[in-house]
Protein backbone atom coordinates (compact mmCIF):
# COMPACT_ATOMS: atom_id res chain seq x y z
CA MET A 1 0.00 0.00 0.00
CA LEU A 2 2.85 2.39 0.83
CA LYS A 3 4.46 2.03 -2.59
CA ARG A 4 1.15 2.79 -4.30
CA LEU A 5 0.62 5.87 -2.11
CA LEU A 6 4.14 7.16 -2.84
CA MET A 7 3.54 6.76 -6.55
CA ILE A 8 0.39 8.87 -6.20
CA LEU A 9 2.30 11.50 -4.20
CA ALA A 10 5.04 11.61 -6.83
CA LEU A 11 2.52 12.12 -9.62
CA PHE A 12 0.93 14.99 -7.73
CA ALA A 13 4.34 16.54 -7.17
CA VAL A 14 5.28 16.31 -10.85
CA ALA A 15 1.87 17.58 -11.98
CA ALA A 16 1.73 20.40 -9.66
CA HIS A 17 2.88 25.12 -0.59
CA ALA A 18 5.81 26.33 0.57
CA LYS A 19 5.89 28.06 3.92
CA ASP A 20 4.09 31.36 4.08
CA ASN A 21 6.28 33.82 2.18
CA GLN A 22 4.63 36.69 4.06
CA ILE A 23 6.66 35.88 7.19
CA ASP A 24 9.83 37.94 7.37
CA VAL A 25 13.10 35.99 7.40
CA ASN A 26 14.95 35.82 10.75
CA THR A 27 11.86 37.09 12.58
CA TRP A 28 9.60 35.43 15.13
CA HIS A 29 5.90 35.29 14.27
CA LEU A 30 3.84 35.33 17.47
CA ALA A 31 0.05 35.24 17.66
CA VAL A 32 -2.61 33.80 19.94
CA GLY A 33 -6.22 32.79 19.46
CA VAL A 34 -8.56 33.33 22.41
CA GLY A 35 -12.08 31.94 22.38
CA LEU A 36 -14.10 28.79 22.94
CA GLY A 37 -14.00 25.38 21.30
CA LYS A 38 -13.51 21.66 21.75
CA ALA A 39 -11.48 18.83 20.22
CA SER A 40 -13.18 15.44 20.49
CA ASN A 41 -11.40 12.24 21.51
CA PRO A 42 -12.64 9.16 19.60
CA LEU A 43 -11.20 6.63 22.06
CA HIS A 44 -12.99 4.91 24.94
CA GLY A 45 -11.97 6.61 28.17
CA GLY A 46 -10.35 9.52 26.35
CA ASP A 47 -11.37 13.02 27.42
CA ASP A 48 -12.42 15.71 24.97
CA ILE A 49 -10.06 18.71 24.98
CA PRO A 50 -11.51 22.16 25.78
CA LEU A 51 -9.96 24.80 23.52
CA VAL A 52 -9.60 28.27 25.04
CA VAL A 53 -6.16 29.54 24.01
CA LEU A 54 -4.45 28.54 20.74
CA PRO A 55 -0.84 29.76 20.32
CA ASP A 56 0.63 30.41 16.87
CA ILE A 57 4.44 30.44 17.02
CA ALA A 58 6.80 30.40 14.04
CA TYR A 59 10.35 31.38 13.16
CA TYR A 60 11.93 31.29 9.69
CA GLY A 61 15.63 31.69 9.04
CA GLU A 62 17.42 31.39 5.73
CA ARG A 63 17.19 27.58 5.97
CA PHE A 64 16.06 26.60 9.45
CA TYR A 65 12.49 27.10 10.65
CA PHE A 66 10.14 26.27 13.52
CA ASP A 67 6.40 26.31 12.83
CA ASN A 68 3.93 25.32 15.57
CA GLY A 69 5.73 22.20 16.74
CA GLN A 70 7.44 21.28 13.47
CA VAL A 71 11.20 21.82 13.08
CA GLY A 72 12.56 21.95 9.55
CA TYR A 73 15.61 22.64 7.41
CA SER A 74 15.14 23.71 3.80
CA LEU A 75 17.22 21.71 1.32
CA SER A 76 15.99 23.50 -1.80
CA GLN A 77 13.51 26.30 -2.43
CA ASP A 78 12.42 29.00 -4.83
CA SER A 79 9.31 31.13 -5.31
CA HIS A 80 7.13 28.11 -6.20
CA TYR A 81 8.34 25.16 -4.11
CA SER A 82 10.37 23.98 -1.14
CA LEU A 83 11.91 20.65 -0.15
CA SER A 84 12.76 20.29 3.52
CA LEU A 85 13.96 17.89 6.16
CA ILE A 86 11.39 18.00 8.98
CA SER A 87 10.83 16.55 12.43
CA GLU A 88 7.77 16.57 14.70
CA LEU A 89 6.04 14.60 17.43
CA ASN A 90 3.76 11.87 16.11
CA PRO A 91 0.18 13.23 16.34
CA GLU A 92 -1.49 9.91 17.35
CA LYS A 93 -0.21 10.37 20.92
CA ARG A 94 -2.66 13.26 21.33
CA PHE A 95 -5.53 10.88 22.14
CA PHE A 96 -3.62 9.41 25.09
CA VAL A 97 -2.38 12.61 26.75
CA PHE A 98 -3.89 16.05 27.34
CA TRP A 99 -0.79 18.19 26.67
CA HIS A 100 0.09 17.35 23.08
CA PRO A 101 0.99 20.08 20.53
CA SER A 102 -1.53 18.70 18.03
CA ASN A 103 -4.33 19.51 20.48
CA PHE A 104 -3.45 23.18 20.82
CA PHE A 105 -1.38 24.62 17.96
CA LEU A 106 -3.14 26.60 15.19
CA PRO A 107 -1.82 23.72 12.78
CA MET A 108 -5.27 -6.12 8.54
CA ALA A 109 -3.29 -8.82 10.14
CA LEU A 110 -6.44 -9.82 12.00
CA ASN A 111 -9.14 -11.57 9.98
CA SER A 112 -11.36 -8.80 8.62
CA GLU A 113 -14.47 -10.76 9.59
CA THR A 114 -13.51 -10.97 13.26
CA LYS A 115 -15.98 -9.20 15.53
CA ILE A 116 -14.82 -7.02 18.37
CA ALA A 117 -16.05 -8.70 21.53
CA GLU A 118 -15.53 -5.83 23.93
CA SER A 119 -14.48 -2.23 24.19
CA VAL A 120 -11.19 -1.19 25.75
CA THR A 121 -10.41 2.17 27.37
CA VAL A 122 -7.13 4.08 27.14
CA ASN A 123 -6.55 3.27 30.82
CA GLN A 124 -6.67 -0.49 30.17
CA VAL A 125 -3.78 -0.62 27.71
CA LYS A 126 -0.08 -0.13 28.20
CA LYS A 127 1.07 3.47 28.23
CA ARG A 128 1.71 4.77 24.71
CA ARG A 129 5.03 6.62 24.51
CA TRP A 130 5.85 9.84 22.69
CA ALA A 131 7.29 9.19 19.23
CA LEU A 132 9.51 11.58 17.29
CA ASP A 133 9.21 11.38 13.50
CA ALA A 134 11.48 12.84 10.83
CA GLY A 135 11.56 12.81 7.05
CA LEU A 136 11.02 14.85 3.90
CA GLU A 137 8.35 17.41 3.08
CA TYR A 138 7.71 18.86 -0.38
CA GLN A 139 5.53 21.93 -0.82
CA TYR A 140 4.33 23.56 -4.01
CA PHE A 141 2.49 26.85 -3.89
CA SER A 142 0.75 29.31 -6.15
CA ASP A 143 -1.34 32.40 -5.45
CA ASN A 144 -4.51 30.38 -4.84
CA PHE A 145 -3.51 26.98 -3.52
CA THR A 146 -0.87 25.01 -1.66
CA LEU A 147 0.10 21.36 -2.14
CA LYS A 148 2.00 19.57 0.63
CA LEU A 149 3.50 16.06 0.57
CA ASN A 150 5.46 14.43 3.36
CA TRP A 151 6.95 11.07 4.29
CA LEU A 152 8.19 10.57 7.85
CA PHE A 153 9.83 7.76 9.83
CA ASP A 154 9.94 7.03 13.55
CA ILE A 155 13.47 8.00 14.62
CA SER A 156 12.80 7.42 18.33
CA GLY A 157 12.36 3.64 18.12
CA VAL A 158 8.82 3.71 19.52
CA TYR A 159 6.76 2.14 16.72
CA ASN A 160 9.56 1.60 14.15
CA ASP A 161 7.61 2.34 10.99
CA ASP A 162 6.55 5.26 8.79
CA ARG A 163 3.67 7.51 7.80
CA ALA A 164 2.88 9.82 4.87
CA ALA A 165 0.37 12.49 3.91
CA ILE A 166 -0.86 14.60 1.04
CA GLU A 167 -2.73 17.87 1.60
CA PHE A 168 -4.29 20.38 -0.78
CA GLU A 169 -5.11 23.79 0.73
CA GLY A 170 -6.94 26.57 -1.08
CA GLN A 171 -7.57 30.18 -0.24
CA SER A 172 -10.21 32.59 -1.48
CA GLN A 173 -11.88 35.77 -0.33
CA PHE A 174 -15.52 36.71 -0.05
CA GLY A 175 -15.72 40.41 0.73
CA SER A 176 -13.43 40.85 3.73
CA ILE A 177 -13.71 37.18 4.78
CA ILE A 178 -10.70 34.97 4.03
CA ILE A 179 -11.75 31.35 3.39
CA SER A 180 -9.07 28.66 3.84
CA PRO A 181 -10.25 25.06 3.22
CA ALA A 182 -7.90 22.07 3.20
CA ILE A 183 -8.40 18.42 2.34
CA GLY A 184 -5.88 15.65 2.81
CA LEU A 185 -5.11 11.98 3.24
CA HIS A 186 -2.95 10.34 5.93
CA TYR A 187 -1.21 7.00 5.38
CA GLN A 188 -0.59 5.18 8.67
CA SER A 189 1.66 2.13 8.57
CA GLN A 190 0.88 -1.18 10.26
CA GLY A 191 3.56 -0.58 12.88
CA LEU A 192 2.17 2.83 13.80
CA ASN A 193 -1.42 1.61 14.04
CA GLN A 194 -0.51 -1.50 15.99
CA TYR A 195 1.50 0.48 18.55
CA TYR A 196 -1.17 3.10 19.22
CA TYR A 197 -4.41 1.24 18.49
CA GLY A 198 -3.59 -2.46 18.75
CA VAL A 199 -4.80 -4.32 21.85
CA GLU A 200 -3.14 -7.26 23.58
CA GLN A 201 -5.06 -10.30 24.81
CA GLN A 202 -7.52 -9.24 27.52
CA SER A 203 -8.93 -12.61 28.56
CA LEU A 204 -9.21 -16.27 27.58
CA PHE A 205 -12.21 -15.33 25.47
CA TYR A 206 -10.70 -12.36 23.62
CA ASP A 207 -7.31 -12.70 21.93
CA GLY A 208 -6.82 -9.01 21.27
CA TYR A 209 -6.78 -6.86 18.16
CA ARG A 210 -3.95 -6.57 15.65
CA SER A 211 -4.15 -3.62 13.29
CA GLY A 212 -3.06 -3.25 9.69
CA SER A 213 -2.03 -0.14 7.72
CA SER A 214 -4.71 2.43 6.90
CA LEU A 215 -5.65 5.52 4.90
CA SER A 216 -7.41 8.30 6.83
CA PRO A 217 -8.90 11.31 4.99
CA TYR A 218 -9.28 14.65 6.76
CA PHE A 219 -10.76 18.09 6.20
CA LYS A 220 -10.02 21.52 7.70
CA LEU A 221 -11.66 24.90 7.27
CA GLN A 222 -10.79 28.34 8.64
CA LEU A 223 -12.76 31.57 8.17
CA THR A 224 -10.99 34.82 9.07
CA TRP A 225 -12.45 38.34 9.38
CA PRO A 226 -9.57 40.86 9.74
CA LEU A 227 -10.55 43.72 12.06
CA THR A 228 -7.24 45.57 12.32
CA GLN A 229 -3.67 44.89 11.19
CA SER A 230 -3.08 42.91 14.39
CA SER A 231 -6.44 41.31 15.18
CA ALA A 232 -9.07 39.19 13.49
CA LEU A 233 -12.17 37.18 14.29
CA PHE A 234 -11.82 33.59 13.13
CA ILE A 235 -13.55 30.23 13.10
CA LYS A 236 -11.76 26.96 12.49
CA THR A 237 -12.96 23.37 12.33
CA SER A 238 -11.45 20.01 11.44
CA TYR A 239 -12.59 16.45 10.78
CA ASP A 240 -10.26 13.41 10.85
CA ASP A 241 -11.82 10.16 9.61
CA TYR A 242 -10.65 7.06 11.52
CA SER A 243 -13.27 4.67 10.10
CA SER A 244 -10.50 2.49 8.61
CA LEU A 245 -9.51 1.66 12.23
CA ARG A 246 -13.05 1.18 13.55
CA ARG A 247 -12.42 -2.49 14.39
CA SER A 248 -10.01 -1.52 17.12
CA PRO A 249 -11.83 -1.86 20.48
CA LEU A 250 -10.19 1.41 21.58
CA PHE A 251 -12.40 3.44 19.24
CA LYS A 252 -15.83 4.60 20.38
CA GLU A 253 -16.28 6.92 17.36
CA ASN A 254 -15.10 6.83 13.74
CA ALA A 255 -13.78 10.39 13.66
CA ALA A 256 -11.99 13.10 15.66
CA MET A 257 -13.50 16.56 15.29
CA SER A 258 -12.64 20.03 16.53
CA PHE A 259 -14.29 23.44 16.48
CA PHE A 260 -13.06 26.83 17.69
CA VAL A 261 -14.35 30.39 17.43
CA GLY A 262 -12.54 33.40 18.84
CA MET A 263 -10.20 36.33 18.31
CA LYS A 264 -6.68 36.13 16.93
CA TYR A 265 -4.10 38.67 18.09
CA ILE A 266 -0.77 39.15 16.28
CA PHE A 267 2.19 40.52 18.25
């Protein structure tokens, strides 16, 4: 499955977002969103995350950059593309711990016919560790859209496998409202899924759940109403589809959703 996905990503790259070229080089970009919202947790026993303050922190040097939890080094770039080495915490950990950057920053080995005999909560499985991933990210950008492709590997030895993603982000304006939709697809390897969502044998009558690799589509939308040069009203929402992992007894829902409405202040 991975080879097929990479072929698709390569075709998109040849046929066709670099980092925001509006950010000044060698300058920190600091902003904060203040409002009300919630990020749902699709796992049994997992708490939903209240969203009140969303930081937006970025720094771009000539090559090195930090952008809301992602660290990168640009290997090649021009006005239409960039190719970078990147590293970030694996986002799947966010369902097992409250303080994960993915919750707050403004960015089948088992027989398929087997029935899940029982549900399992996050407190009934072994503690899932933090994983640090690193790899390549390619971005192509034009005035109206951004295309992002990445392929990352676990360099921390936690789940010892890889993941990949493709994302297409557009931007348009309706009056003074800036509309920023994004649609994408995550590839999660068997090793990643088994580590975070696999379940060991619970009893003599249930021999556990062993996961395979999966494809998970997602959607994001942000609406921004600029009020001044340093403030704006904005709404953002996201939907991550985990239906390909619905057979895992950890899941109580097929998707993770978030919604936030508030004010954004730029410093």
